[in-house]
Amino acid sequence: MIPNASLRTAVARCLLAVTLVPGCSQRVLTPELYAPDKVPTTAAQHPVLKVHMKSGELYTLDSWRVVADGRRLESTGTRYSLRREPLGEGPASIAVDDVALFETNRPENVGAGGAAALAVMTTVTGTVAAFCVASPKSCFGSCPTFYVEGEGDQRPLAEGFSASIARALEARDVDALRTSRKLG
């Protein structure tokens, strides 16, 4: 049982955060490469086609289609120089023989599995730490018992460390126990 309301609120917030983390994901683009004789078709999963030319230039095409028996691409997009400076936008006719490589980027969401595991472990560790701060005796204390030597058996006299978590606090925290009578 968690001892106070503010600690319960903190734990509830941590648990809420842990439940929301798995919903977080990161969007990444996964490149797919194609040989010059395998022109990918225009589709929703391939919104942009990058055409790497043998000369080192690059075209990023928004729309394209293969014409002239697969020897040319009629397209619309942007042309870039070797230094990737834009050279122009608009329609272009590209000879497939001058292409070194076609590239598409498929967008996908990558889950945050590692972040979720870290959040869960942080929450568990934080909850245990908060509990130990609120009730140190539960986590760190021990209860040695002091005995009185006398006739016959030893009898318990006191219990130390009731709320002490360090040796320096022992002397100030001793709980006397009622002495027991010898039954006989």
N, C-alpha and C. Protein backbone atom coordinates (compact mmCIF):
# COMPACT_ATOMS: atom_id res chain seq x y z
N MET A 1 0.84 -1.18 0.00
CA MET A 1 0.00 0.00 0.00
C MET A 1 0.88 1.24 0.00
N ILE A 2 0.58 2.20 -0.84
CA ILE A 2 1.38 3.41 -0.96
C ILE A 2 0.94 4.40 0.12
N PRO A 3 1.89 4.95 0.92
CA PRO A 3 1.55 5.68 2.12
C PRO A 3 0.79 6.99 1.98
N ASN A 4 1.10 7.84 1.03
CA ASN A 4 0.39 9.13 1.02
C ASN A 4 -0.15 9.48 -0.35
N ALA A 5 -1.02 10.48 -0.37
CA ALA A 5 -1.74 10.84 -1.60
C ALA A 5 -0.82 11.38 -2.67
N SER A 6 0.18 12.19 -2.31
CA SER A 6 1.07 12.75 -3.33
C SER A 6 1.89 11.65 -4.00
N LEU A 7 2.29 10.67 -3.23
CA LEU A 7 3.03 9.55 -3.81
C LEU A 7 2.13 8.73 -4.72
N ARG A 8 0.86 8.53 -4.32
CA ARG A 8 -0.09 7.81 -5.18
C ARG A 8 -0.29 8.56 -6.49
N THR A 9 -0.35 9.90 -6.42
CA THR A 9 -0.52 10.70 -7.62
C THR A 9 0.69 10.56 -8.54
N ALA A 10 1.89 10.58 -7.97
CA ALA A 10 3.11 10.43 -8.76
C ALA A 10 3.15 9.07 -9.44
N VAL A 11 2.79 8.04 -8.71
CA VAL A 11 2.77 6.69 -9.29
C VAL A 11 1.74 6.61 -10.41
N ALA A 12 0.57 7.21 -10.20
CA ALA A 12 -0.48 7.19 -11.23
C ALA A 12 0.00 7.91 -12.50
N ARG A 13 0.70 9.01 -12.34
CA ARG A 13 1.23 9.74 -13.51
C ARG A 13 2.27 8.91 -14.24
N CYS A 14 3.14 8.24 -13.50
CA CYS A 14 4.14 7.38 -14.13
C CYS A 14 3.49 6.25 -14.90
N LEU A 15 2.48 5.63 -14.32
CA LEU A 15 1.79 4.54 -15.01
C LEU A 15 1.07 5.03 -16.26
N LEU A 16 0.52 6.24 -16.21
CA LEU A 16 -0.12 6.82 -17.39
C LEU A 16 0.91 7.05 -18.49
N ALA A 17 2.08 7.56 -18.11
CA ALA A 17 3.14 7.79 -19.10
C ALA A 17 3.58 6.48 -19.74
N VAL A 18 3.68 5.43 -18.94
CA VAL A 18 4.10 4.12 -19.46
C VAL A 18 3.08 3.59 -20.46
N THR A 19 1.81 3.82 -20.21
CA THR A 19 0.80 3.32 -21.14
C THR A 19 0.79 4.11 -22.44
N LEU A 20 1.23 5.36 -22.42
CA LEU A 20 1.24 6.18 -23.63
C LEU A 20 2.48 5.97 -24.48
N VAL A 21 3.62 5.58 -23.87
CA VAL A 21 4.86 5.44 -24.61
C VAL A 21 4.77 4.44 -25.76
N PRO A 22 4.14 3.27 -25.60
CA PRO A 22 4.08 2.35 -26.74
C PRO A 22 3.37 2.93 -27.96
N GLY A 23 2.51 3.93 -27.77
CA GLY A 23 1.84 4.56 -28.90
C GLY A 23 2.76 5.48 -29.68
N CYS A 24 3.88 5.83 -29.10
CA CYS A 24 4.83 6.71 -29.78
C CYS A 24 5.63 5.89 -30.78
N SER A 25 5.83 6.43 -31.93
CA SER A 25 6.67 5.77 -32.92
C SER A 25 7.35 6.83 -33.75
N GLN A 26 8.34 6.41 -34.49
CA GLN A 26 9.11 7.33 -35.30
C GLN A 26 8.92 6.94 -36.76
N ARG A 27 8.70 7.94 -37.58
CA ARG A 27 8.51 7.69 -39.00
C ARG A 27 9.88 7.67 -39.68
N VAL A 28 10.16 6.60 -40.39
CA VAL A 28 11.42 6.47 -41.12
C VAL A 28 11.13 6.15 -42.58
N LEU A 29 12.08 6.46 -43.43
CA LEU A 29 11.96 6.14 -44.85
C LEU A 29 12.91 4.98 -45.14
N THR A 30 12.36 3.90 -45.65
CA THR A 30 13.16 2.74 -46.00
C THR A 30 13.44 2.77 -47.49
N PRO A 31 14.71 2.91 -47.88
CA PRO A 31 15.02 2.97 -49.32
C PRO A 31 14.89 1.60 -49.98
N GLU A 32 14.39 1.62 -51.20
CA GLU A 32 14.33 0.42 -52.03
C GLU A 32 15.01 0.77 -53.34
N LEU A 33 15.99 -0.02 -53.73
CA LEU A 33 16.79 0.24 -54.92
C LEU A 33 16.38 -0.70 -56.05
N TYR A 34 16.41 -0.16 -57.27
CA TYR A 34 16.01 -0.93 -58.46
C TYR A 34 17.06 -0.74 -59.55
N ALA A 35 17.30 -1.80 -60.30
CA ALA A 35 18.20 -1.74 -61.45
C ALA A 35 17.56 -0.88 -62.54
N PRO A 36 18.37 -0.31 -63.44
CA PRO A 36 17.82 0.57 -64.48
C PRO A 36 16.77 -0.08 -65.37
N ASP A 37 16.79 -1.39 -65.51
CA ASP A 37 15.80 -2.05 -66.36
C ASP A 37 14.51 -2.39 -65.61
N LYS A 38 14.42 -2.07 -64.31
CA LYS A 38 13.24 -2.35 -63.48
C LYS A 38 12.67 -1.04 -62.92
N VAL A 39 12.00 -0.29 -63.73
CA VAL A 39 11.43 0.99 -63.30
C VAL A 39 10.21 0.71 -62.44
N PRO A 40 10.19 1.22 -61.18
CA PRO A 40 9.02 1.00 -60.34
C PRO A 40 7.83 1.81 -60.85
N THR A 41 6.64 1.26 -60.67
CA THR A 41 5.44 1.95 -61.12
C THR A 41 5.02 3.01 -60.10
N THR A 42 4.30 4.02 -60.57
CA THR A 42 3.77 5.05 -59.68
C THR A 42 2.71 4.41 -58.80
N ALA A 43 2.85 4.60 -57.49
CA ALA A 43 1.88 4.04 -56.55
C ALA A 43 1.91 4.83 -55.26
N ALA A 44 0.93 4.60 -54.42
CA ALA A 44 0.85 5.31 -53.14
C ALA A 44 2.04 4.96 -52.24
N GLN A 45 2.53 3.70 -52.33
CA GLN A 45 3.67 3.34 -51.49
C GLN A 45 4.99 3.88 -52.02
N HIS A 46 4.99 4.38 -53.26
CA HIS A 46 6.18 5.01 -53.84
C HIS A 46 5.82 6.41 -54.33
N PRO A 47 5.65 7.37 -53.42
CA PRO A 47 5.20 8.69 -53.86
C PRO A 47 6.27 9.47 -54.63
N VAL A 48 7.55 9.13 -54.40
CA VAL A 48 8.65 9.85 -55.07
C VAL A 48 9.63 8.82 -55.62
N LEU A 49 10.08 9.07 -56.84
CA LEU A 49 11.10 8.23 -57.45
C LEU A 49 12.37 9.06 -57.62
N LYS A 50 13.48 8.55 -57.08
CA LYS A 50 14.77 9.20 -57.28
C LYS A 50 15.48 8.47 -58.41
N VAL A 51 15.93 9.23 -59.38
CA VAL A 51 16.62 8.66 -60.52
C VAL A 51 18.07 9.12 -60.45
N HIS A 52 18.97 8.19 -60.15
CA HIS A 52 20.40 8.49 -60.09
C HIS A 52 20.98 8.25 -61.47
N MET A 53 21.53 9.29 -62.06
CA MET A 53 22.06 9.20 -63.41
C MET A 53 23.53 8.76 -63.39
N LYS A 54 23.98 8.18 -64.48
CA LYS A 54 25.39 7.77 -64.60
C LYS A 54 26.31 8.99 -64.53
N SER A 55 25.83 10.14 -64.91
CA SER A 55 26.63 11.37 -64.87
C SER A 55 26.77 11.92 -63.45
N GLY A 56 26.00 11.39 -62.50
CA GLY A 56 26.04 11.87 -61.12
C GLY A 56 24.89 12.79 -60.77
N GLU A 57 24.13 13.22 -61.78
CA GLU A 57 22.97 14.06 -61.51
C GLU A 57 21.86 13.22 -60.87
N LEU A 58 20.87 13.91 -60.33
CA LEU A 58 19.76 13.24 -59.67
C LEU A 58 18.46 13.91 -60.07
N TYR A 59 17.44 13.09 -60.28
CA TYR A 59 16.08 13.58 -60.50
C TYR A 59 15.22 13.06 -59.35
N THR A 60 14.38 13.91 -58.79
CA THR A 60 13.34 13.45 -57.87
C THR A 60 12.02 13.68 -58.58
N LEU A 61 11.32 12.61 -58.86
CA LEU A 61 10.12 12.67 -59.68
C LEU A 61 8.86 12.45 -58.86
N ASP A 62 7.87 13.33 -59.10
CA ASP A 62 6.57 13.20 -58.45
C ASP A 62 5.65 12.27 -59.24
N SER A 63 5.81 12.29 -60.56
CA SER A 63 5.03 11.40 -61.42
C SER A 63 5.92 10.96 -62.57
N TRP A 64 5.69 9.75 -63.05
CA TRP A 64 6.50 9.22 -64.13
C TRP A 64 5.76 8.08 -64.82
N ARG A 65 6.17 7.84 -66.06
CA ARG A 65 5.66 6.70 -66.81
C ARG A 65 6.69 6.32 -67.85
N VAL A 66 6.73 5.02 -68.13
CA VAL A 66 7.69 4.49 -69.09
C VAL A 66 7.06 4.55 -70.48
N VAL A 67 7.83 5.06 -71.46
CA VAL A 67 7.34 5.15 -72.84
C VAL A 67 8.42 4.63 -73.79
N ALA A 68 8.09 4.55 -75.06
CA ALA A 68 9.00 4.14 -76.13
C ALA A 68 9.65 2.79 -75.85
N ASP A 69 8.79 1.79 -75.65
CA ASP A 69 9.25 0.42 -75.42
C ASP A 69 10.20 0.30 -74.23
N GLY A 70 9.94 1.07 -73.20
CA GLY A 70 10.74 0.98 -71.97
C GLY A 70 12.08 1.67 -72.05
N ARG A 71 12.31 2.50 -73.07
CA ARG A 71 13.61 3.16 -73.26
C ARG A 71 13.64 4.57 -72.69
N ARG A 72 12.47 5.16 -72.39
CA ARG A 72 12.42 6.54 -71.88
C ARG A 72 11.42 6.65 -70.73
N LEU A 73 11.68 7.62 -69.87
CA LEU A 73 10.77 7.97 -68.79
C LEU A 73 10.25 9.37 -69.04
N GLU A 74 8.95 9.52 -69.12
CA GLU A 74 8.33 10.84 -69.18
C GLU A 74 7.92 11.16 -67.75
N SER A 75 8.37 12.31 -67.24
CA SER A 75 8.19 12.56 -65.82
C SER A 75 8.01 14.04 -65.51
N THR A 76 7.67 14.28 -64.24
CA THR A 76 7.60 15.63 -63.69
C THR A 76 8.33 15.60 -62.37
N GLY A 77 9.25 16.57 -62.16
CA GLY A 77 9.99 16.59 -60.90
C GLY A 77 11.08 17.65 -60.91
N THR A 78 12.10 17.41 -60.10
CA THR A 78 13.21 18.36 -59.94
C THR A 78 14.50 17.68 -60.33
N ARG A 79 15.36 18.43 -61.05
CA ARG A 79 16.67 17.94 -61.46
C ARG A 79 17.73 18.60 -60.59
N TYR A 80 18.72 17.80 -60.12
CA TYR A 80 19.79 18.30 -59.25
C TYR A 80 21.15 18.03 -59.88
N SER A 81 22.11 18.93 -59.60
CA SER A 81 23.47 18.79 -60.11
C SER A 81 24.25 17.78 -59.27
N LEU A 82 25.54 17.60 -59.61
CA LEU A 82 26.40 16.72 -58.83
C LEU A 82 26.48 17.17 -57.37
N ARG A 83 26.43 18.47 -57.15
CA ARG A 83 26.49 19.04 -55.79
C ARG A 83 25.10 19.12 -55.15
N ARG A 84 24.14 18.54 -55.78
CA ARG A 84 22.74 18.51 -55.33
C ARG A 84 22.12 19.90 -55.22
N GLU A 85 22.55 20.75 -56.13
CA GLU A 85 21.92 22.07 -56.27
C GLU A 85 20.80 21.93 -57.30
N PRO A 86 19.62 22.49 -57.03
CA PRO A 86 18.52 22.37 -57.99
C PRO A 86 18.86 23.05 -59.32
N LEU A 87 18.63 22.33 -60.41
CA LEU A 87 18.88 22.87 -61.74
C LEU A 87 17.59 23.27 -62.44
N GLY A 88 16.46 22.76 -61.97
CA GLY A 88 15.19 23.12 -62.59
C GLY A 88 14.09 22.17 -62.19
N GLU A 89 12.84 22.66 -62.34
CA GLU A 89 11.66 21.86 -62.04
C GLU A 89 10.78 21.81 -63.26
N GLY A 90 10.00 20.73 -63.35
CA GLY A 90 9.04 20.63 -64.44
C GLY A 90 9.13 19.30 -65.13
N PRO A 91 8.58 19.25 -66.35
CA PRO A 91 8.59 17.98 -67.09
C PRO A 91 10.00 17.64 -67.57
N ALA A 92 10.26 16.32 -67.66
CA ALA A 92 11.57 15.86 -68.13
C ALA A 92 11.37 14.56 -68.88
N SER A 93 12.24 14.34 -69.86
CA SER A 93 12.27 13.09 -70.59
C SER A 93 13.65 12.48 -70.35
N ILE A 94 13.69 11.31 -69.71
CA ILE A 94 14.95 10.72 -69.28
C ILE A 94 15.17 9.41 -70.02
N ALA A 95 16.35 9.26 -70.63
CA ALA A 95 16.71 8.01 -71.31
C ALA A 95 17.10 6.98 -70.24
N VAL A 96 16.46 5.80 -70.28
CA VAL A 96 16.73 4.76 -69.30
C VAL A 96 18.18 4.27 -69.40
N ASP A 97 18.80 4.35 -70.60
CA ASP A 97 20.20 3.92 -70.77
C ASP A 97 21.16 4.81 -69.97
N ASP A 98 20.76 6.05 -69.63
CA ASP A 98 21.61 6.97 -68.88
C ASP A 98 21.42 6.84 -67.36
N VAL A 99 20.51 5.96 -66.95
CA VAL A 99 20.20 5.80 -65.52
C VAL A 99 21.13 4.77 -64.90
N ALA A 100 21.69 5.11 -63.72
CA ALA A 100 22.53 4.18 -62.97
C ALA A 100 21.70 3.37 -61.98
N LEU A 101 20.66 4.03 -61.41
CA LEU A 101 19.92 3.39 -60.33
C LEU A 101 18.62 4.14 -60.09
N PHE A 102 17.55 3.38 -59.79
CA PHE A 102 16.28 3.97 -59.35
C PHE A 102 16.16 3.72 -57.84
N GLU A 103 15.59 4.70 -57.14
CA GLU A 103 15.41 4.58 -55.69
C GLU A 103 14.05 5.11 -55.30
N THR A 104 13.36 4.34 -54.48
CA THR A 104 12.11 4.83 -53.88
C THR A 104 12.31 4.76 -52.37
N ASN A 105 11.55 5.55 -51.66
CA ASN A 105 11.59 5.54 -50.20
C ASN A 105 10.20 5.22 -49.69
N ARG A 106 10.10 4.08 -49.01
CA ARG A 106 8.82 3.66 -48.45
C ARG A 106 8.72 4.14 -47.01
N PRO A 107 7.74 5.03 -46.73
CA PRO A 107 7.60 5.50 -45.35
C PRO A 107 6.98 4.41 -44.46
N GLU A 108 7.52 4.27 -43.25
CA GLU A 108 6.95 3.33 -42.29
C GLU A 108 7.19 3.86 -40.89
N ASN A 109 6.34 3.44 -39.97
CA ASN A 109 6.46 3.83 -38.57
C ASN A 109 7.16 2.73 -37.81
N VAL A 110 8.21 3.11 -37.10
CA VAL A 110 8.97 2.17 -36.31
C VAL A 110 8.57 2.36 -34.86
N GLY A 111 8.16 1.28 -34.22
CA GLY A 111 7.71 1.34 -32.83
C GLY A 111 8.84 1.67 -31.88
N ALA A 112 8.46 2.15 -30.74
CA ALA A 112 9.43 2.54 -29.71
C ALA A 112 9.52 1.45 -28.65
N GLY A 113 9.83 0.22 -29.05
CA GLY A 113 9.90 -0.90 -28.10
C GLY A 113 10.94 -0.69 -27.02
N GLY A 114 12.11 -0.22 -27.39
CA GLY A 114 13.16 0.03 -26.40
C GLY A 114 12.76 1.12 -25.44
N ALA A 115 12.15 2.16 -25.95
CA ALA A 115 11.70 3.26 -25.09
C ALA A 115 10.60 2.80 -24.15
N ALA A 116 9.72 1.94 -24.62
CA ALA A 116 8.65 1.43 -23.76
C ALA A 116 9.22 0.57 -22.64
N ALA A 117 10.19 -0.30 -22.97
CA ALA A 117 10.81 -1.14 -21.94
C ALA A 117 11.53 -0.27 -20.91
N LEU A 118 12.23 0.76 -21.40
CA LEU A 118 12.92 1.67 -20.49
C LEU A 118 11.93 2.40 -19.60
N ALA A 119 10.83 2.82 -20.16
CA ALA A 119 9.81 3.53 -19.38
C ALA A 119 9.21 2.62 -18.31
N VAL A 120 8.96 1.37 -18.65
CA VAL A 120 8.41 0.43 -17.68
C VAL A 120 9.40 0.20 -16.54
N MET A 121 10.66 -0.05 -16.88
CA MET A 121 11.66 -0.30 -15.85
C MET A 121 11.89 0.94 -14.99
N THR A 122 11.88 2.12 -15.59
CA THR A 122 12.03 3.36 -14.83
C THR A 122 10.86 3.54 -13.88
N THR A 123 9.67 3.24 -14.33
CA THR A 123 8.49 3.38 -13.48
C THR A 123 8.55 2.41 -12.30
N VAL A 124 8.93 1.17 -12.57
CA VAL A 124 9.03 0.18 -11.49
C VAL A 124 10.10 0.61 -10.49
N THR A 125 11.26 0.98 -10.99
CA THR A 125 12.35 1.40 -10.10
C THR A 125 11.97 2.66 -9.32
N GLY A 126 11.34 3.61 -9.99
CA GLY A 126 10.91 4.84 -9.33
C GLY A 126 9.86 4.58 -8.26
N THR A 127 8.94 3.67 -8.52
CA THR A 127 7.92 3.34 -7.54
C THR A 127 8.53 2.70 -6.31
N VAL A 128 9.45 1.76 -6.52
CA VAL A 128 10.12 1.12 -5.38
C VAL A 128 10.94 2.15 -4.61
N ALA A 129 11.64 3.03 -5.32
CA ALA A 129 12.44 4.07 -4.65
C ALA A 129 11.55 5.01 -3.85
N ALA A 130 10.41 5.41 -4.41
CA ALA A 130 9.50 6.30 -3.70
C ALA A 130 8.95 5.61 -2.45
N PHE A 131 8.63 4.33 -2.57
CA PHE A 131 8.14 3.59 -1.41
C PHE A 131 9.22 3.51 -0.33
N CYS A 132 10.46 3.26 -0.74
CA CYS A 132 11.56 3.17 0.24
C CYS A 132 11.85 4.51 0.89
N VAL A 133 11.69 5.60 0.16
CA VAL A 133 11.87 6.93 0.76
C VAL A 133 10.75 7.20 1.75
N ALA A 134 9.54 6.81 1.43
CA ALA A 134 8.39 7.05 2.32
C ALA A 134 8.43 6.14 3.55
N SER A 135 8.96 4.95 3.41
CA SER A 135 9.01 4.01 4.54
C SER A 135 10.35 3.28 4.52
N PRO A 136 11.42 3.95 4.96
CA PRO A 136 12.76 3.35 4.86
C PRO A 136 12.90 2.04 5.62
N LYS A 137 12.19 1.91 6.71
CA LYS A 137 12.26 0.69 7.52
C LYS A 137 11.87 -0.53 6.71
N SER A 138 10.90 -0.35 5.81
CA SER A 138 10.43 -1.46 4.99
C SER A 138 11.50 -1.97 4.05
N CYS A 139 12.38 -1.09 3.60
CA CYS A 139 13.40 -1.49 2.63
C CYS A 139 14.78 -1.73 3.25
N PHE A 140 15.15 -0.91 4.24
CA PHE A 140 16.53 -0.94 4.72
C PHE A 140 16.69 -1.37 6.17
N GLY A 141 15.67 -1.20 7.00
CA GLY A 141 15.81 -1.43 8.44
C GLY A 141 15.92 -2.90 8.78
N SER A 142 16.50 -3.14 9.93
CA SER A 142 16.51 -4.49 10.48
C SER A 142 16.14 -4.36 11.94
N CYS A 143 15.80 -5.44 12.57
CA CYS A 143 15.33 -5.37 13.95
C CYS A 143 16.13 -6.31 14.84
N PRO A 144 17.33 -5.93 15.20
CA PRO A 144 18.04 -6.79 16.16
C PRO A 144 17.38 -6.68 17.54
N THR A 145 17.41 -7.74 18.22
CA THR A 145 16.82 -7.77 19.56
C THR A 145 17.93 -7.87 20.59
N PHE A 146 17.79 -7.07 21.68
CA PHE A 146 18.79 -7.08 22.75
C PHE A 146 18.27 -7.97 23.86
N TYR A 147 19.12 -8.85 24.39
CA TYR A 147 18.73 -9.80 25.42
C TYR A 147 19.41 -9.47 26.74
N VAL A 148 18.75 -9.84 27.83
CA VAL A 148 19.31 -9.67 29.17
C VAL A 148 19.73 -11.04 29.67
N GLU A 149 20.96 -11.09 30.13
CA GLU A 149 21.41 -12.35 30.70
C GLU A 149 20.93 -12.43 32.12
N GLY A 150 20.49 -13.54 32.51
CA GLY A 150 20.04 -13.70 33.88
C GLY A 150 19.98 -15.16 34.23
N GLU A 151 19.24 -15.42 35.19
CA GLU A 151 19.09 -16.80 35.61
C GLU A 151 18.35 -17.59 34.55
N GLY A 152 18.89 -18.66 34.14
CA GLY A 152 18.23 -19.52 33.15
C GLY A 152 18.36 -18.96 31.74
N ASP A 153 17.26 -18.92 31.07
CA ASP A 153 17.24 -18.50 29.66
C ASP A 153 17.45 -17.01 29.52
N GLN A 154 17.97 -16.63 28.35
CA GLN A 154 18.07 -15.19 28.06
C GLN A 154 16.68 -14.68 27.74
N ARG A 155 16.41 -13.44 28.15
CA ARG A 155 15.10 -12.86 27.92
C ARG A 155 15.24 -11.62 27.04
N PRO A 156 14.33 -11.38 26.09
CA PRO A 156 14.42 -10.17 25.27
C PRO A 156 14.15 -8.94 26.12
N LEU A 157 14.95 -7.90 25.89
CA LEU A 157 14.79 -6.67 26.63
C LEU A 157 14.31 -5.54 25.74
N ALA A 158 14.88 -5.42 24.54
CA ALA A 158 14.52 -4.31 23.66
C ALA A 158 14.76 -4.68 22.21
N GLU A 159 14.14 -3.88 21.34
CA GLU A 159 14.30 -4.07 19.91
C GLU A 159 14.90 -2.78 19.35
N GLY A 160 15.97 -2.87 18.61
CA GLY A 160 16.61 -1.69 18.03
C GLY A 160 16.18 -1.48 16.59
N PHE A 161 16.48 -0.35 16.06
CA PHE A 161 16.26 -0.03 14.64
C PHE A 161 14.80 0.06 14.25
N SER A 162 13.89 0.40 15.07
CA SER A 162 12.48 0.41 14.68
C SER A 162 12.23 1.27 13.46
N ALA A 163 12.82 2.42 13.41
CA ALA A 163 12.70 3.26 12.21
C ALA A 163 14.06 3.72 11.75
N SER A 164 15.11 3.15 12.30
CA SER A 164 16.47 3.57 11.98
C SER A 164 16.95 2.88 10.72
N ILE A 165 17.65 3.65 9.90
CA ILE A 165 18.21 3.07 8.68
C ILE A 165 19.72 3.19 8.68
N ALA A 166 20.30 3.73 9.77
CA ALA A 166 21.75 3.88 9.85
C ALA A 166 22.18 3.62 11.29
N ARG A 167 23.41 3.16 11.47
CA ARG A 167 23.93 2.88 12.80
C ARG A 167 23.93 4.12 13.68
N ALA A 168 24.13 5.29 13.12
CA ALA A 168 24.16 6.52 13.90
C ALA A 168 22.81 6.79 14.57
N LEU A 169 21.74 6.25 14.05
CA LEU A 169 20.41 6.50 14.62
C LEU A 169 19.98 5.43 15.62
N GLU A 170 20.76 4.36 15.75
CA GLU A 170 20.38 3.26 16.62
C GLU A 170 20.16 3.68 18.06
N ALA A 171 21.10 4.44 18.62
CA ALA A 171 21.06 4.77 20.05
C ALA A 171 19.81 5.56 20.41
N ARG A 172 19.28 6.33 19.51
CA ARG A 172 18.11 7.15 19.81
C ARG A 172 16.81 6.42 19.52
N ASP A 173 16.88 5.25 18.96
CA ASP A 173 15.66 4.57 18.57
C ASP A 173 15.67 3.13 19.09
N VAL A 174 15.38 2.98 20.33
CA VAL A 174 15.30 1.65 20.93
C VAL A 174 13.92 1.52 21.54
N ASP A 175 13.23 0.47 21.19
CA ASP A 175 11.90 0.23 21.73
C ASP A 175 12.00 -0.83 22.82
N ALA A 176 11.64 -0.44 24.01
CA ALA A 176 11.70 -1.39 25.12
C ALA A 176 10.57 -2.39 24.99
N LEU A 177 10.87 -3.63 25.30
CA LEU A 177 9.88 -4.69 25.29
C LEU A 177 9.54 -5.04 26.72
N ARG A 178 8.33 -5.44 26.97
CA ARG A 178 7.98 -5.89 28.32
C ARG A 178 8.79 -7.13 28.65
N THR A 179 9.34 -7.13 29.79
CA THR A 179 10.11 -8.31 30.18
C THR A 179 9.16 -9.46 30.42
N SER A 180 9.57 -10.59 30.02
CA SER A 180 8.69 -11.76 30.18
C SER A 180 8.97 -12.47 31.49
N ARG A 181 7.95 -13.01 32.01
CA ARG A 181 8.10 -13.77 33.25
C ARG A 181 8.42 -15.21 32.86
N LYS A 182 9.19 -15.78 33.69
CA LYS A 182 9.51 -17.18 33.47
C LYS A 182 8.33 -18.01 33.92
N LEU A 183 7.80 -18.76 33.00
CA LEU A 183 6.66 -19.63 33.30
C LEU A 183 7.18 -20.91 33.95
N GLY A 184 6.55 -21.32 34.93
CA GLY A 184 7.14 -22.50 35.49
C GLY A 184 6.27 -23.27 36.27
